[in-house]
Amino acid sequence: MMCVGVTVTYLTTKVPNFAVGDFVTTGIYASATAYILWNIKNPYLATPIGFIFGGLVAVVMYLTVLRPLIRRGSSLVMLMIATLAVDIIFTGVDLLFIEDTTSLYGVELTHKGFNLYTLFPL
């Protein structure tokens, strides 16, 4: 699914978007938050929330960052640097979201499901 997102983004904007991974991460965190905080019985029922939220974040990024730069005639390198900056910003926002969720609700987003240490014990 991520490859389809990267391909569609590149075909529509002609810009390699480095922030696609963060859109997916943001959608996954939205889905995990809905699953944990709303006590949804099946995690697959929260998956559409992640798709919708990640897609909306990507559209907002395009409308607020890439579209104005394209209209001003920015070069391809400038557009790639802009997507890299958005990637760095979203990484920080995602980390702040995880920290706030843990401190406000007392719930870690990783408390349900697999843990890396149980998958690969040392």
PDB file of N, CA and C in Angstrom:
ATOM      1  N   MET A   1       0.824  -1.192   0.000  1.00  0.00           N
ATOM      2  CA  MET A   1       0.000   0.000   0.000  1.00  0.00           C
ATOM      3  C   MET A   1       0.869   1.257   0.000  1.00  0.00           C
ATOM      4  N   MET A   2       1.982   1.195   0.717  1.00  0.00           N
ATOM      5  CA  MET A   2       2.870   2.370   0.728  1.00  0.00           C
ATOM      6  C   MET A   2       3.445   2.619  -0.654  1.00  0.00           C
ATOM      7  N   CYS A   3       3.777   1.558  -1.361  1.00  0.00           N
ATOM      8  CA  CYS A   3       4.331   1.721  -2.712  1.00  0.00           C
ATOM      9  C   CYS A   3       3.303   2.345  -3.651  1.00  0.00           C
ATOM     10  N   VAL A   4       2.052   1.968  -3.500  1.00  0.00           N
ATOM     11  CA  VAL A   4       1.003   2.577  -4.310  1.00  0.00           C
ATOM     12  C   VAL A   4       0.887   4.064  -3.986  1.00  0.00           C
ATOM     13  N   GLY A   5       0.986   4.405  -2.693  1.00  0.00           N
ATOM     14  CA  GLY A   5       0.931   5.813  -2.292  1.00  0.00           C
ATOM     15  C   GLY A   5       2.077   6.622  -2.859  1.00  0.00           C
ATOM     16  N   VAL A   6       3.279   6.055  -2.829  1.00  0.00           N
ATOM     17  CA  VAL A   6       4.441   6.755  -3.378  1.00  0.00           C
ATOM     18  C   VAL A   6       4.285   6.932  -4.881  1.00  0.00           C
ATOM     19  N   THR A   7       3.816   5.894  -5.567  1.00  0.00           N
ATOM     20  CA  THR A   7       3.657   5.963  -7.016  1.00  0.00           C
ATOM     21  C   THR A   7       2.596   6.971  -7.419  1.00  0.00           C
ATOM     22  N   VAL A   8       1.458   6.944  -6.761  1.00  0.00           N
ATOM     23  CA  VAL A   8       0.388   7.884  -7.096  1.00  0.00           C
ATOM     24  C   VAL A   8       0.819   9.317  -6.796  1.00  0.00           C
ATOM     25  N   THR A   9       1.503   9.512  -5.685  1.00  0.00           N
ATOM     26  CA  THR A   9       1.992  10.845  -5.348  1.00  0.00           C
ATOM     27  C   THR A   9       2.973  11.352  -6.393  1.00  0.00           C
ATOM     28  N   TYR A  10       3.876  10.487  -6.818  1.00  0.00           N
ATOM     29  CA  TYR A  10       4.857  10.901  -7.818  1.00  0.00           C
ATOM     30  C   TYR A  10       4.198  11.168  -9.172  1.00  0.00           C
ATOM     31  N   LEU A  11       3.240  10.331  -9.564  1.00  0.00           N
ATOM     32  CA  LEU A  11       2.576  10.523 -10.852  1.00  0.00           C
ATOM     33  C   LEU A  11       1.733  11.794 -10.893  1.00  0.00           C
ATOM     34  N   THR A  12       1.148  12.172  -9.770  1.00  0.00           N
ATOM     35  CA  THR A  12       0.296  13.357  -9.763  1.00  0.00           C
ATOM     36  C   THR A  12       1.065  14.650  -9.575  1.00  0.00           C
ATOM     37  N   THR A  13       2.124  14.625  -8.784  1.00  0.00           N
ATOM     38  CA  THR A  13       2.852  15.862  -8.495  1.00  0.00           C
ATOM     39  C   THR A  13       4.197  15.955  -9.203  1.00  0.00           C
ATOM     40  N   LYS A  14       4.705  14.830  -9.720  1.00  0.00           N
ATOM     41  CA  LYS A  14       6.034  14.767 -10.350  1.00  0.00           C
ATOM     42  C   LYS A  14       7.148  15.130  -9.374  1.00  0.00           C
ATOM     43  N   VAL A  15       6.900  14.925  -8.072  1.00  0.00           N
ATOM     44  CA  VAL A  15       7.873  15.224  -7.025  1.00  0.00           C
ATOM     45  C   VAL A  15       8.050  13.978  -6.160  1.00  0.00           C
ATOM     46  N   PRO A  16       9.291  13.504  -5.976  1.00  0.00           N
ATOM     47  CA  PRO A  16       9.503  12.423  -5.011  1.00  0.00           C
ATOM     48  C   PRO A  16       9.212  12.936  -3.592  1.00  0.00           C
ATOM     49  N   ASN A  17       8.241  12.326  -2.953  1.00  0.00           N
ATOM     50  CA  ASN A  17       7.787  12.805  -1.646  1.00  0.00           C
ATOM     51  C   ASN A  17       8.425  11.950  -0.557  1.00  0.00           C
ATOM     52  N   PHE A  18       9.285  12.571   0.244  1.00  0.00           N
ATOM     53  CA  PHE A  18       9.956  11.853   1.320  1.00  0.00           C
ATOM     54  C   PHE A  18       9.091  11.722   2.565  1.00  0.00           C
ATOM     55  N   ALA A  19       7.950  12.360   2.602  1.00  0.00           N
ATOM     56  CA  ALA A  19       7.105  12.352   3.786  1.00  0.00           C
ATOM     57  C   ALA A  19       6.036  11.264   3.758  1.00  0.00           C
ATOM     58  N   VAL A  20       6.015  10.429   2.737  1.00  0.00           N
ATOM     59  CA  VAL A  20       4.984   9.399   2.632  1.00  0.00           C
ATOM     60  C   VAL A  20       5.030   8.444   3.822  1.00  0.00           C
ATOM     61  N   GLY A  21       6.208   8.081   4.265  1.00  0.00           N
ATOM     62  CA  GLY A  21       6.330   7.193   5.420  1.00  0.00           C
ATOM     63  C   GLY A  21       5.728   7.794   6.676  1.00  0.00           C
ATOM     64  N   ASP A  22       5.861   9.109   6.831  1.00  0.00           N
ATOM     65  CA  ASP A  22       5.273   9.751   7.999  1.00  0.00           C
ATOM     66  C   ASP A  22       3.756   9.864   7.896  1.00  0.00           C
ATOM     67  N   PHE A  23       3.219   9.949   6.694  1.00  0.00           N
ATOM     68  CA  PHE A  23       1.763   9.925   6.547  1.00  0.00           C
ATOM     69  C   PHE A  23       1.221   8.568   6.977  1.00  0.00           C
ATOM     70  N   VAL A  24       1.928   7.521   6.609  1.00  0.00           N
ATOM     71  CA  VAL A  24       1.528   6.171   7.016  1.00  0.00           C
ATOM     72  C   VAL A  24       1.647   6.022   8.533  1.00  0.00           C
ATOM     73  N   THR A  25       2.751   6.518   9.087  1.00  0.00           N
ATOM     74  CA  THR A  25       2.953   6.441  10.537  1.00  0.00           C
ATOM     75  C   THR A  25       1.862   7.203  11.278  1.00  0.00           C
ATOM     76  N   THR A  26       1.514   8.372  10.794  1.00  0.00           N
ATOM     77  CA  THR A  26       0.454   9.164  11.419  1.00  0.00           C
ATOM     78  C   THR A  26      -0.877   8.423  11.356  1.00  0.00           C
ATOM     79  N   GLY A  27      -1.163   7.780  10.232  1.00  0.00           N
ATOM     80  CA  GLY A  27      -2.384   6.985  10.122  1.00  0.00           C
ATOM     81  C   GLY A  27      -2.394   5.797  11.063  1.00  0.00           C
ATOM     82  N   ILE A  28      -1.232   5.152  11.203  1.00  0.00           N
ATOM     83  CA  ILE A  28      -1.139   4.006  12.121  1.00  0.00           C
ATOM     84  C   ILE A  28      -1.357   4.457  13.558  1.00  0.00           C
ATOM     85  N   TYR A  29      -0.766   5.592  13.939  1.00  0.00           N
ATOM     86  CA  TYR A  29      -0.974   6.103  15.299  1.00  0.00           C
ATOM     87  C   TYR A  29      -2.433   6.494  15.520  1.00  0.00           C
ATOM     88  N   ALA A  30      -3.083   7.047  14.515  1.00  0.00           N
ATOM     89  CA  ALA A  30      -4.507   7.382  14.653  1.00  0.00           C
ATOM     90  C   ALA A  30      -5.338   6.118  14.837  1.00  0.00           C
ATOM     91  N   SER A  31      -5.011   5.088  14.079  1.00  0.00           N
ATOM     92  CA  SER A  31      -5.724   3.820  14.202  1.00  0.00           C
ATOM     93  C   SER A  31      -5.481   3.172  15.562  1.00  0.00           C
ATOM     94  N   ALA A  32      -4.224   3.182  16.015  1.00  0.00           N
ATOM     95  CA  ALA A  32      -3.906   2.595  17.323  1.00  0.00           C
ATOM     96  C   ALA A  32      -4.551   3.375  18.456  1.00  0.00           C
ATOM     97  N   THR A  33      -4.593   4.690  18.332  1.00  0.00           N
ATOM     98  CA  THR A  33      -5.235   5.515  19.360  1.00  0.00           C
ATOM     99  C   THR A  33      -6.727   5.228  19.429  1.00  0.00           C
ATOM    100  N   ALA A  34      -7.377   5.122  18.283  1.00  0.00           N
ATOM    101  CA  ALA A  34      -8.812   4.802  18.270  1.00  0.00           C
ATOM    102  C   ALA A  34      -9.049   3.418  18.865  1.00  0.00           C
ATOM    103  N   TYR A  35      -8.191   2.477  18.539  1.00  0.00           N
ATOM    104  CA  TYR A  35      -8.344   1.109  19.055  1.00  0.00           C
ATOM    105  C   TYR A  35      -8.204   1.064  20.567  1.00  0.00           C
ATOM    106  N   ILE A  36      -7.223   1.766  21.105  1.00  0.00           N
ATOM    107  CA  ILE A  36      -6.954   1.698  22.542  1.00  0.00           C
ATOM    108  C   ILE A  36      -7.918   2.572  23.339  1.00  0.00           C
ATOM    109  N   LEU A  37      -8.095   3.820  22.937  1.00  0.00           N
ATOM    110  CA  LEU A  37      -8.888   4.750  23.746  1.00  0.00           C
ATOM    111  C   LEU A  37     -10.389   4.536  23.606  1.00  0.00           C
ATOM    112  N   TRP A  38     -10.849   4.060  22.447  1.00  0.00           N
ATOM    113  CA  TRP A  38     -12.276   3.823  22.267  1.00  0.00           C
ATOM    114  C   TRP A  38     -12.663   2.380  22.554  1.00  0.00           C
ATOM    115  N   ASN A  39     -11.692   1.565  22.973  1.00  0.00           N
ATOM    116  CA  ASN A  39     -11.925   0.153  23.306  1.00  0.00           C
ATOM    117  C   ASN A  39     -12.634  -0.608  22.192  1.00  0.00           C
ATOM    118  N   ILE A  40     -12.147  -0.438  20.977  1.00  0.00           N
ATOM    119  CA  ILE A  40     -12.684  -1.179  19.846  1.00  0.00           C
ATOM    120  C   ILE A  40     -12.251  -2.640  20.003  1.00  0.00           C
ATOM    121  N   LYS A  41     -13.174  -3.555  19.801  1.00  0.00           N
ATOM    122  CA  LYS A  41     -12.912  -4.970  20.061  1.00  0.00           C
ATOM    123  C   LYS A  41     -11.892  -5.568  19.082  1.00  0.00           C
ATOM    124  N   ASN A  42     -11.970  -5.189  17.832  1.00  0.00           N
ATOM    125  CA  ASN A  42     -11.102  -5.758  16.814  1.00  0.00           C
ATOM    126  C   ASN A  42     -10.223  -4.642  16.230  1.00  0.00           C
ATOM    127  N   PRO A  43      -8.906  -4.819  16.221  1.00  0.00           N
ATOM    128  CA  PRO A  43      -8.048  -3.752  15.701  1.00  0.00           C
ATOM    129  C   PRO A  43      -8.265  -3.462  14.215  1.00  0.00           C
ATOM    130  N   TYR A  44      -8.766  -4.440  13.473  1.00  0.00           N
ATOM    131  CA  TYR A  44      -9.005  -4.224  12.052  1.00  0.00           C
ATOM    132  C   TYR A  44     -10.166  -3.256  11.812  1.00  0.00           C
ATOM    133  N   LEU A  45     -11.036  -3.099  12.794  1.00  0.00           N
ATOM    134  CA  LEU A  45     -12.130  -2.139  12.652  1.00  0.00           C
ATOM    135  C   LEU A  45     -11.647  -0.695  12.770  1.00  0.00           C
ATOM    136  N   ALA A  46     -10.472  -0.491  13.376  1.00  0.00           N
ATOM    137  CA  ALA A  46      -9.903   0.851  13.491  1.00  0.00           C
ATOM    138  C   ALA A  46      -9.022   1.206  12.293  1.00  0.00           C
ATOM    139  N   THR A  47      -8.771   0.256  11.421  1.00  0.00           N
ATOM    140  CA  THR A  47      -7.896   0.494  10.271  1.00  0.00           C
ATOM    141  C   THR A  47      -8.417   1.577   9.328  1.00  0.00           C
ATOM    142  N   PRO A  48      -9.703   1.626   8.993  1.00  0.00           N
ATOM    143  CA  PRO A  48     -10.174   2.701   8.105  1.00  0.00           C
ATOM    144  C   PRO A  48      -9.927   4.101   8.671  1.00  0.00           C
ATOM    145  N   ILE A  49      -9.925   4.222   9.980  1.00  0.00           N
ATOM    146  CA  ILE A  49      -9.626   5.520  10.597  1.00  0.00           C
ATOM    147  C   ILE A  49      -8.210   5.941  10.244  1.00  0.00           C
ATOM    148  N   GLY A  50      -7.287   5.001  10.283  1.00  0.00           N
ATOM    149  CA  GLY A  50      -5.901   5.295   9.924  1.00  0.00           C
ATOM    150  C   GLY A  50      -5.756   5.696   8.466  1.00  0.00           C
ATOM    151  N   PHE A  51      -6.442   4.980   7.567  1.00  0.00           N
ATOM    152  CA  PHE A  51      -6.375   5.326   6.151  1.00  0.00           C
ATOM    153  C   PHE A  51      -6.920   6.729   5.900  1.00  0.00           C
ATOM    154  N   ILE A  52      -8.055   7.029   6.487  1.00  0.00           N
ATOM    155  CA  ILE A  52      -8.679   8.342   6.278  1.00  0.00           C
ATOM    156  C   ILE A  52      -7.819   9.449   6.858  1.00  0.00           C
ATOM    157  N   PHE A  53      -7.334   9.264   8.085  1.00  0.00           N
ATOM    158  CA  PHE A  53      -6.539  10.309   8.722  1.00  0.00           C
ATOM    159  C   PHE A  53      -5.209  10.527   7.998  1.00  0.00           C
ATOM    160  N   GLY A  54      -4.525   9.446   7.634  1.00  0.00           N
ATOM    161  CA  GLY A  54      -3.270   9.572   6.892  1.00  0.00           C
ATOM    162  C   GLY A  54      -3.461  10.248   5.545  1.00  0.00           C
ATOM    163  N   GLY A  55      -4.551   9.898   4.853  1.00  0.00           N
ATOM    164  CA  GLY A  55      -4.853  10.545   3.572  1.00  0.00           C
ATOM    165  C   GLY A  55      -5.164  12.017   3.715  1.00  0.00           C
ATOM    166  N   LEU A  56      -5.919  12.366   4.750  1.00  0.00           N
ATOM    167  CA  LEU A  56      -6.231  13.784   4.978  1.00  0.00           C
ATOM    168  C   LEU A  56      -4.981  14.589   5.305  1.00  0.00           C
ATOM    169  N   VAL A  57      -4.087  14.008   6.084  1.00  0.00           N
ATOM    170  CA  VAL A  57      -2.839  14.691   6.414  1.00  0.00           C
ATOM    171  C   VAL A  57      -2.010  14.917   5.147  1.00  0.00           C
ATOM    172  N   ALA A  58      -1.979  13.930   4.256  1.00  0.00           N
ATOM    173  CA  ALA A  58      -1.229  14.068   3.007  1.00  0.00           C
ATOM    174  C   ALA A  58      -1.831  15.150   2.113  1.00  0.00           C
ATOM    175  N   VAL A  59      -3.140  15.212   2.033  1.00  0.00           N
ATOM    176  CA  VAL A  59      -3.794  16.239   1.215  1.00  0.00           C
ATOM    177  C   VAL A  59      -3.536  17.624   1.784  1.00  0.00           C
ATOM    178  N   VAL A  60      -3.619  17.757   3.100  1.00  0.00           N
ATOM    179  CA  VAL A  60      -3.347  19.057   3.729  1.00  0.00           C
ATOM    180  C   VAL A  60      -1.908  19.487   3.488  1.00  0.00           C
ATOM    181  N   MET A  61      -0.971  18.538   3.557  1.00  0.00           N
ATOM    182  CA  MET A  61       0.426  18.882   3.282  1.00  0.00           C
ATOM    183  C   MET A  61       0.604  19.347   1.844  1.00  0.00           C
ATOM    184  N   TYR A  62      -0.054  18.684   0.916  1.00  0.00           N
ATOM    185  CA  TYR A  62       0.056  19.095  -0.475  1.00  0.00           C
ATOM    186  C   TYR A  62      -0.511  20.498  -0.679  1.00  0.00           C
ATOM    187  N   LEU A  63      -1.685  20.747  -0.099  1.00  0.00           N
ATOM    188  CA  LEU A  63      -2.332  22.047  -0.299  1.00  0.00           C
ATOM    189  C   LEU A  63      -1.593  23.191   0.377  1.00  0.00           C
ATOM    190  N   THR A  64      -0.929  22.917   1.489  1.00  0.00           N
ATOM    191  CA  THR A  64      -0.273  24.002   2.232  1.00  0.00           C
ATOM    192  C   THR A  64       1.205  24.163   1.922  1.00  0.00           C
ATOM    193  N   VAL A  65       1.861  23.100   1.441  1.00  0.00           N
ATOM    194  CA  VAL A  65       3.310  23.185   1.215  1.00  0.00           C
ATOM    195  C   VAL A  65       3.653  23.098  -0.271  1.00  0.00           C
ATOM    196  N   LEU A  66       3.292  21.989  -0.902  1.00  0.00           N
ATOM    197  CA  LEU A  66       3.729  21.771  -2.277  1.00  0.00           C
ATOM    198  C   LEU A  66       3.024  22.664  -3.293  1.00  0.00           C
ATOM    199  N   ARG A  67       1.728  22.786  -3.178  1.00  0.00           N
ATOM    200  CA  ARG A  67       0.981  23.562  -4.174  1.00  0.00           C
ATOM    201  C   ARG A  67       1.445  25.018  -4.266  1.00  0.00           C
ATOM    202  N   PRO A  68       1.627  25.719  -3.135  1.00  0.00           N
ATOM    203  CA  PRO A  68       2.134  27.094  -3.257  1.00  0.00           C
ATOM    204  C   PRO A  68       3.536  27.159  -3.861  1.00  0.00           C
ATOM    205  N   LEU A  69       4.380  26.193  -3.526  1.00  0.00           N
ATOM    206  CA  LEU A  69       5.727  26.189  -4.106  1.00  0.00           C
ATOM    207  C   LEU A  69       5.691  25.907  -5.607  1.00  0.00           C
ATOM    208  N   ILE A  70       4.809  25.006  -6.036  1.00  0.00           N
ATOM    209  CA  ILE A  70       4.678  24.706  -7.464  1.00  0.00           C
ATOM    210  C   ILE A  70       4.170  25.934  -8.207  1.00  0.00           C
ATOM    211  N   ARG A  71       3.207  26.636  -7.632  1.00  0.00           N
ATOM    212  CA  ARG A  71       2.664  27.845  -8.283  1.00  0.00           C
ATOM    213  C   ARG A  71       3.702  28.951  -8.400  1.00  0.00           C
ATOM    214  N   ARG A  72       4.657  28.981  -7.478  1.00  0.00           N
ATOM    215  CA  ARG A  72       5.727  29.988  -7.548  1.00  0.00           C
ATOM    216  C   ARG A  72       6.844  29.573  -8.496  1.00  0.00           C
ATOM    217  N   GLY A  73       6.757  28.378  -9.046  1.00  0.00           N
ATOM    218  CA  GLY A  73       7.757  27.924 -10.002  1.00  0.00           C
ATOM    219  C   GLY A  73       9.022  27.393  -9.369  1.00  0.00           C
ATOM    220  N   SER A  74       8.916  26.805  -8.195  1.00  0.00           N
ATOM    221  CA  SER A  74      10.089  26.253  -7.515  1.00  0.00           C
ATOM    222  C   SER A  74      10.641  25.063  -8.292  1.00  0.00           C
ATOM    223  N   SER A  75      11.936  24.849  -8.146  1.00  0.00           N
ATOM    224  CA  SER A  75      12.584  23.739  -8.846  1.00  0.00           C
ATOM    225  C   SER A  75      12.245  22.418  -8.167  1.00  0.00           C
ATOM    226  N   LEU A  76      12.569  21.331  -8.872  1.00  0.00           N
ATOM    227  CA  LEU A  76      12.318  19.999  -8.332  1.00  0.00           C
ATOM    228  C   LEU A  76      13.115  19.760  -7.056  1.00  0.00           C
ATOM    229  N   VAL A  77      14.340  20.268  -7.017  1.00  0.00           N
ATOM    230  CA  VAL A  77      15.170  20.106  -5.817  1.00  0.00           C
ATOM    231  C   VAL A  77      14.544  20.826  -4.626  1.00  0.00           C
ATOM    232  N   MET A  78      14.015  22.023  -4.847  1.00  0.00           N
ATOM    233  CA  MET A  78      13.368  22.770  -3.768  1.00  0.00           C
ATOM    234  C   MET A  78      12.128  22.029  -3.252  1.00  0.00           C
ATOM    235  N   LEU A  79      11.371  21.437  -4.144  1.00  0.00           N
ATOM    236  CA  LEU A  79      10.192  20.676  -3.727  1.00  0.00           C
ATOM    237  C   LEU A  79      10.588  19.430  -2.944  1.00  0.00           C
ATOM    238  N   MET A  80      11.665  18.764  -3.366  1.00  0.00           N
ATOM    239  CA  MET A  80      12.140  17.593  -2.622  1.00  0.00           C
ATOM    240  C   MET A  80      12.622  17.989  -1.236  1.00  0.00           C
ATOM    241  N   ILE A  81      13.299  19.112  -1.126  1.00  0.00           N
ATOM    242  CA  ILE A  81      13.757  19.584   0.184  1.00  0.00           C
ATOM    243  C   ILE A  81      12.556  19.939   1.061  1.00  0.00           C
ATOM    244  N   ALA A  82      11.506  20.498   0.467  1.00  0.00           N
ATOM    245  CA  ALA A  82      10.300  20.821   1.231  1.00  0.00           C
ATOM    246  C   ALA A  82       9.647  19.558   1.783  1.00  0.00           C
ATOM    247  N   THR A  83       9.605  18.488   0.979  1.00  0.00           N
ATOM    248  CA  THR A  83       9.022  17.241   1.494  1.00  0.00           C
ATOM    249  C   THR A  83       9.907  16.623   2.567  1.00  0.00           C
ATOM    250  N   LEU A  84      11.211  16.799   2.450  1.00  0.00           N
ATOM    251  CA  LEU A  84      12.112  16.320   3.499  1.00  0.00           C
ATOM    252  C   LEU A  84      11.895  17.101   4.795  1.00  0.00           C
ATOM    253  N   ALA A  85      11.674  18.411   4.684  1.00  0.00           N
ATOM    254  CA  ALA A  85      11.379  19.223   5.875  1.00  0.00           C
ATOM    255  C   ALA A  85      10.064  18.787   6.520  1.00  0.00           C
ATOM    256  N   VAL A  86       9.068  18.508   5.702  1.00  0.00           N
ATOM    257  CA  VAL A  86       7.788  18.021   6.239  1.00  0.00           C
ATOM    258  C   VAL A  86       7.999  16.685   6.934  1.00  0.00           C
ATOM    259  N   ASP A  87       8.847  15.835   6.370  1.00  0.00           N
ATOM    260  CA  ASP A  87       9.164  14.548   6.989  1.00  0.00           C
ATOM    261  C   ASP A  87       9.758  14.745   8.381  1.00  0.00           C
ATOM    262  N   ILE A  88      10.699  15.660   8.504  1.00  0.00           N
ATOM    263  CA  ILE A  88      11.341  15.921   9.807  1.00  0.00           C
ATOM    264  C   ILE A  88      10.321  16.481  10.801  1.00  0.00           C
ATOM    265  N   ILE A  89       9.467  17.378  10.341  1.00  0.00           N
ATOM    266  CA  ILE A  89       8.447  17.970  11.224  1.00  0.00           C
ATOM    267  C   ILE A  89       7.471  16.900  11.707  1.00  0.00           C
ATOM    268  N   PHE A  90       7.008  16.048  10.795  1.00  0.00           N
ATOM    269  CA  PHE A  90       6.057  15.005  11.186  1.00  0.00           C
ATOM    270  C   PHE A  90       6.670  13.984  12.124  1.00  0.00           C
ATOM    271  N   THR A  91       7.948  13.705  11.965  1.00  0.00           N
ATOM    272  CA  THR A  91       8.614  12.797  12.903  1.00  0.00           C
ATOM    273  C   THR A  91       8.568  13.371  14.314  1.00  0.00           C
ATOM    274  N   GLY A  92       8.850  14.650  14.459  1.00  0.00           N
ATOM    275  CA  GLY A  92       8.771  15.303  15.771  1.00  0.00           C
ATOM    276  C   GLY A  92       7.366  15.338  16.319  1.00  0.00           C
ATOM    277  N   VAL A  93       6.398  15.624  15.454  1.00  0.00           N
ATOM    278  CA  VAL A  93       4.998  15.675  15.907  1.00  0.00           C
ATOM    279  C   VAL A  93       4.532  14.289  16.359  1.00  0.00           C
ATOM    280  N   ASP A  94       4.913  13.263  15.618  1.00  0.00           N
ATOM    281  CA  ASP A  94       4.534  11.904  16.017  1.00  0.00           C
ATOM    282  C   ASP A  94       5.134  11.537  17.373  1.00  0.00           C
ATOM    283  N   LEU A  95       6.383  11.901  17.603  1.00  0.00           N
ATOM    284  CA  LEU A  95       7.011  11.606  18.895  1.00  0.00           C
ATOM    285  C   LEU A  95       6.346  12.382  20.030  1.00  0.00           C
ATOM    286  N   LEU A  96       5.982  13.637  19.783  1.00  0.00           N
ATOM    287  CA  LEU A  96       5.253  14.409  20.798  1.00  0.00           C
ATOM    288  C   LEU A  96       3.882  13.797  21.080  1.00  0.00           C
ATOM    289  N   PHE A  97       3.225  13.309  20.042  1.00  0.00           N
ATOM    290  CA  PHE A  97       1.917  12.682  20.215  1.00  0.00           C
ATOM    291  C   PHE A  97       2.014  11.441  21.095  1.00  0.00           C
ATOM    292  N   ILE A  98       3.027  10.621  20.858  1.00  0.00           N
ATOM    293  CA  ILE A  98       3.209   9.409  21.665  1.00  0.00           C
ATOM    294  C   ILE A  98       3.468   9.783  23.121  1.00  0.00           C
ATOM    295  N   GLU A  99       4.309  10.780  23.338  1.00  0.00           N
ATOM    296  CA  GLU A  99       4.626  11.192  24.702  1.00  0.00           C
ATOM    297  C   GLU A  99       3.399  11.773  25.400  1.00  0.00           C
ATOM    298  N   ASP A 100       2.621  12.598  24.705  1.00  0.00           N
ATOM    299  CA  ASP A 100       1.420  13.181  25.309  1.00  0.00           C
ATOM    300  C   ASP A 100       0.362  12.124  25.588  1.00  0.00           C
ATOM    301  N   THR A 101       0.198  11.177  24.687  1.00  0.00           N
ATOM    302  CA  THR A 101      -0.775  10.115  24.906  1.00  0.00           C
ATOM    303  C   THR A 101      -0.407   9.301  26.142  1.00  0.00           C
ATOM    304  N   THR A 102       0.877   9.035  26.288  1.00  0.00           N
ATOM    305  CA  THR A 102       1.324   8.263  27.446  1.00  0.00           C
ATOM    306  C   THR A 102       1.119   9.050  28.733  1.00  0.00           C
ATOM    307  N   SER A 103       1.444  10.341  28.734  1.00  0.00           N
ATOM    308  CA  SER A 103       1.348  11.115  29.974  1.00  0.00           C
ATOM    309  C   SER A 103      -0.091  11.507  30.307  1.00  0.00           C
ATOM    310  N   LEU A 104      -0.924  11.811  29.323  1.00  0.00           N
ATOM    311  CA  LEU A 104      -2.300  12.238  29.604  1.00  0.00           C
ATOM    312  C   LEU A 104      -3.215  11.078  29.971  1.00  0.00           C
ATOM    313  N   TYR A 105      -3.111   9.992  29.230  1.00  0.00           N
ATOM    314  CA  TYR A 105      -4.037   8.887  29.423  1.00  0.00           C
ATOM    315  C   TYR A 105      -3.433   7.728  30.201  1.00  0.00           C
ATOM    316  N   GLY A 106      -2.126   7.759  30.417  1.00  0.00           N
ATOM    317  CA  GLY A 106      -1.473   6.658  31.114  1.00  0.00           C
ATOM    318  C   GLY A 106      -1.461   5.379  30.308  1.00  0.00           C
ATOM    319  N   VAL A 107      -1.636   5.519  29.002  1.00  0.00           N
ATOM    320  CA  VAL A 107      -1.698   4.361  28.122  1.00  0.00           C
ATOM    321  C   VAL A 107      -0.613   4.505  27.069  1.00  0.00           C
ATOM    322  N   GLU A 108       0.231   3.495  26.965  1.00  0.00           N
ATOM    323  CA  GLU A 108       1.222   3.495  25.898  1.00  0.00           C
ATOM    324  C   GLU A 108       0.594   2.886  24.660  1.00  0.00           C
ATOM    325  N   LEU A 109       0.935   3.431  23.514  1.00  0.00           N
ATOM    326  CA  LEU A 109       0.365   2.912  22.282  1.00  0.00           C
ATOM    327  C   LEU A 109       0.866   1.512  21.961  1.00  0.00           C
ATOM    328  N   THR A 110       1.907   1.078  22.624  1.00  0.00           N
ATOM    329  CA  THR A 110       2.461  -0.245  22.332  1.00  0.00           C
ATOM    330  C   THR A 110       2.075  -1.292  23.370  1.00  0.00           C
ATOM    331  N   HIS A 111       1.149  -0.982  24.288  1.00  0.00           N
ATOM    332  CA  HIS A 111       0.858  -1.953  25.344  1.00  0.00           C
ATOM    333  C   HIS A 111       0.020  -3.127  24.861  1.00  0.00           C
ATOM    334  N   LYS A 112      -0.667  -3.001  23.733  1.00  0.00           N
ATOM    335  CA  LYS A 112      -1.419  -4.117  23.169  1.00  0.00           C
ATOM    336  C   LYS A 112      -0.715  -4.573  21.900  1.00  0.00           C
ATOM    337  N   GLY A 113      -0.679  -5.841  21.678  1.00  0.00           N
ATOM    338  CA  GLY A 113      -0.054  -6.341  20.467  1.00  0.00           C
ATOM    339  C   GLY A 113       1.336  -6.871  20.727  1.00  0.00           C
ATOM    340  N   PHE A 114       2.140  -6.924  19.695  1.00  0.00           N
ATOM    341  CA  PHE A 114       3.467  -7.511  19.780  1.00  0.00           C
ATOM    342  C   PHE A 114       4.471  -6.523  20.327  1.00  0.00           C
ATOM    343  N   ASN A 115       5.411  -7.045  21.023  1.00  0.00           N
ATOM    344  CA  ASN A 115       6.536  -6.270  21.536  1.00  0.00           C
ATOM    345  C   ASN A 115       7.782  -6.802  20.845  1.00  0.00           C
ATOM    346  N   LEU A 116       8.679  -5.918  20.505  1.00  0.00           N
ATOM    347  CA  LEU A 116       9.889  -6.324  19.792  1.00  0.00           C
ATOM    348  C   LEU A 116      10.689  -7.341  20.592  1.00  0.00           C
ATOM    349  N   TYR A 117      10.702  -7.213  21.911  1.00  0.00           N
ATOM    350  CA  TYR A 117      11.491  -8.115  22.735  1.00  0.00           C
ATOM    351  C   TYR A 117      10.874  -9.489  22.838  1.00  0.00           C
ATOM    352  N   THR A 118       9.559  -9.618  22.674  1.00  0.00           N
ATOM    353  CA  THR A 118       8.952 -10.943  22.685  1.00  0.00           C
ATOM    354  C   THR A 118       9.082 -11.617  21.329  1.00  0.00           C
ATOM    355  N   LEU A 119       9.212 -10.834  20.268  1.00  0.00           N
ATOM    356  CA  LEU A 119       9.398 -11.430  18.948  1.00  0.00           C
ATOM    357  C   LEU A 119      10.824 -11.943  18.769  1.00  0.00           C
ATOM    358  N   PHE A 120      11.785 -11.166  19.265  1.00  0.00           N
ATOM    359  CA  PHE A 120      13.194 -11.522  19.109  1.00  0.00           C
ATOM    360  C   PHE A 120      13.875 -11.517  20.477  1.00  0.00           C
ATOM    361  N   PRO A 121      13.665 -12.567  21.279  1.00  0.00           N
ATOM    362  CA  PRO A 121      14.297 -12.569  22.611  1.00  0.00           C
ATOM    363  C   PRO A 121      15.810 -12.699  22.485  1.00  0.00           C
ATOM    364  N   LEU A 122      16.495 -12.025  23.411  1.00  0.00           N
ATOM    365  CA  LEU A 122      17.957 -12.086  23.411  1.00  0.00           C
ATOM    366  C   LEU A 122      18.467 -13.228  24.232  1.00  0.00           C
TER     367      LEU A 122
END
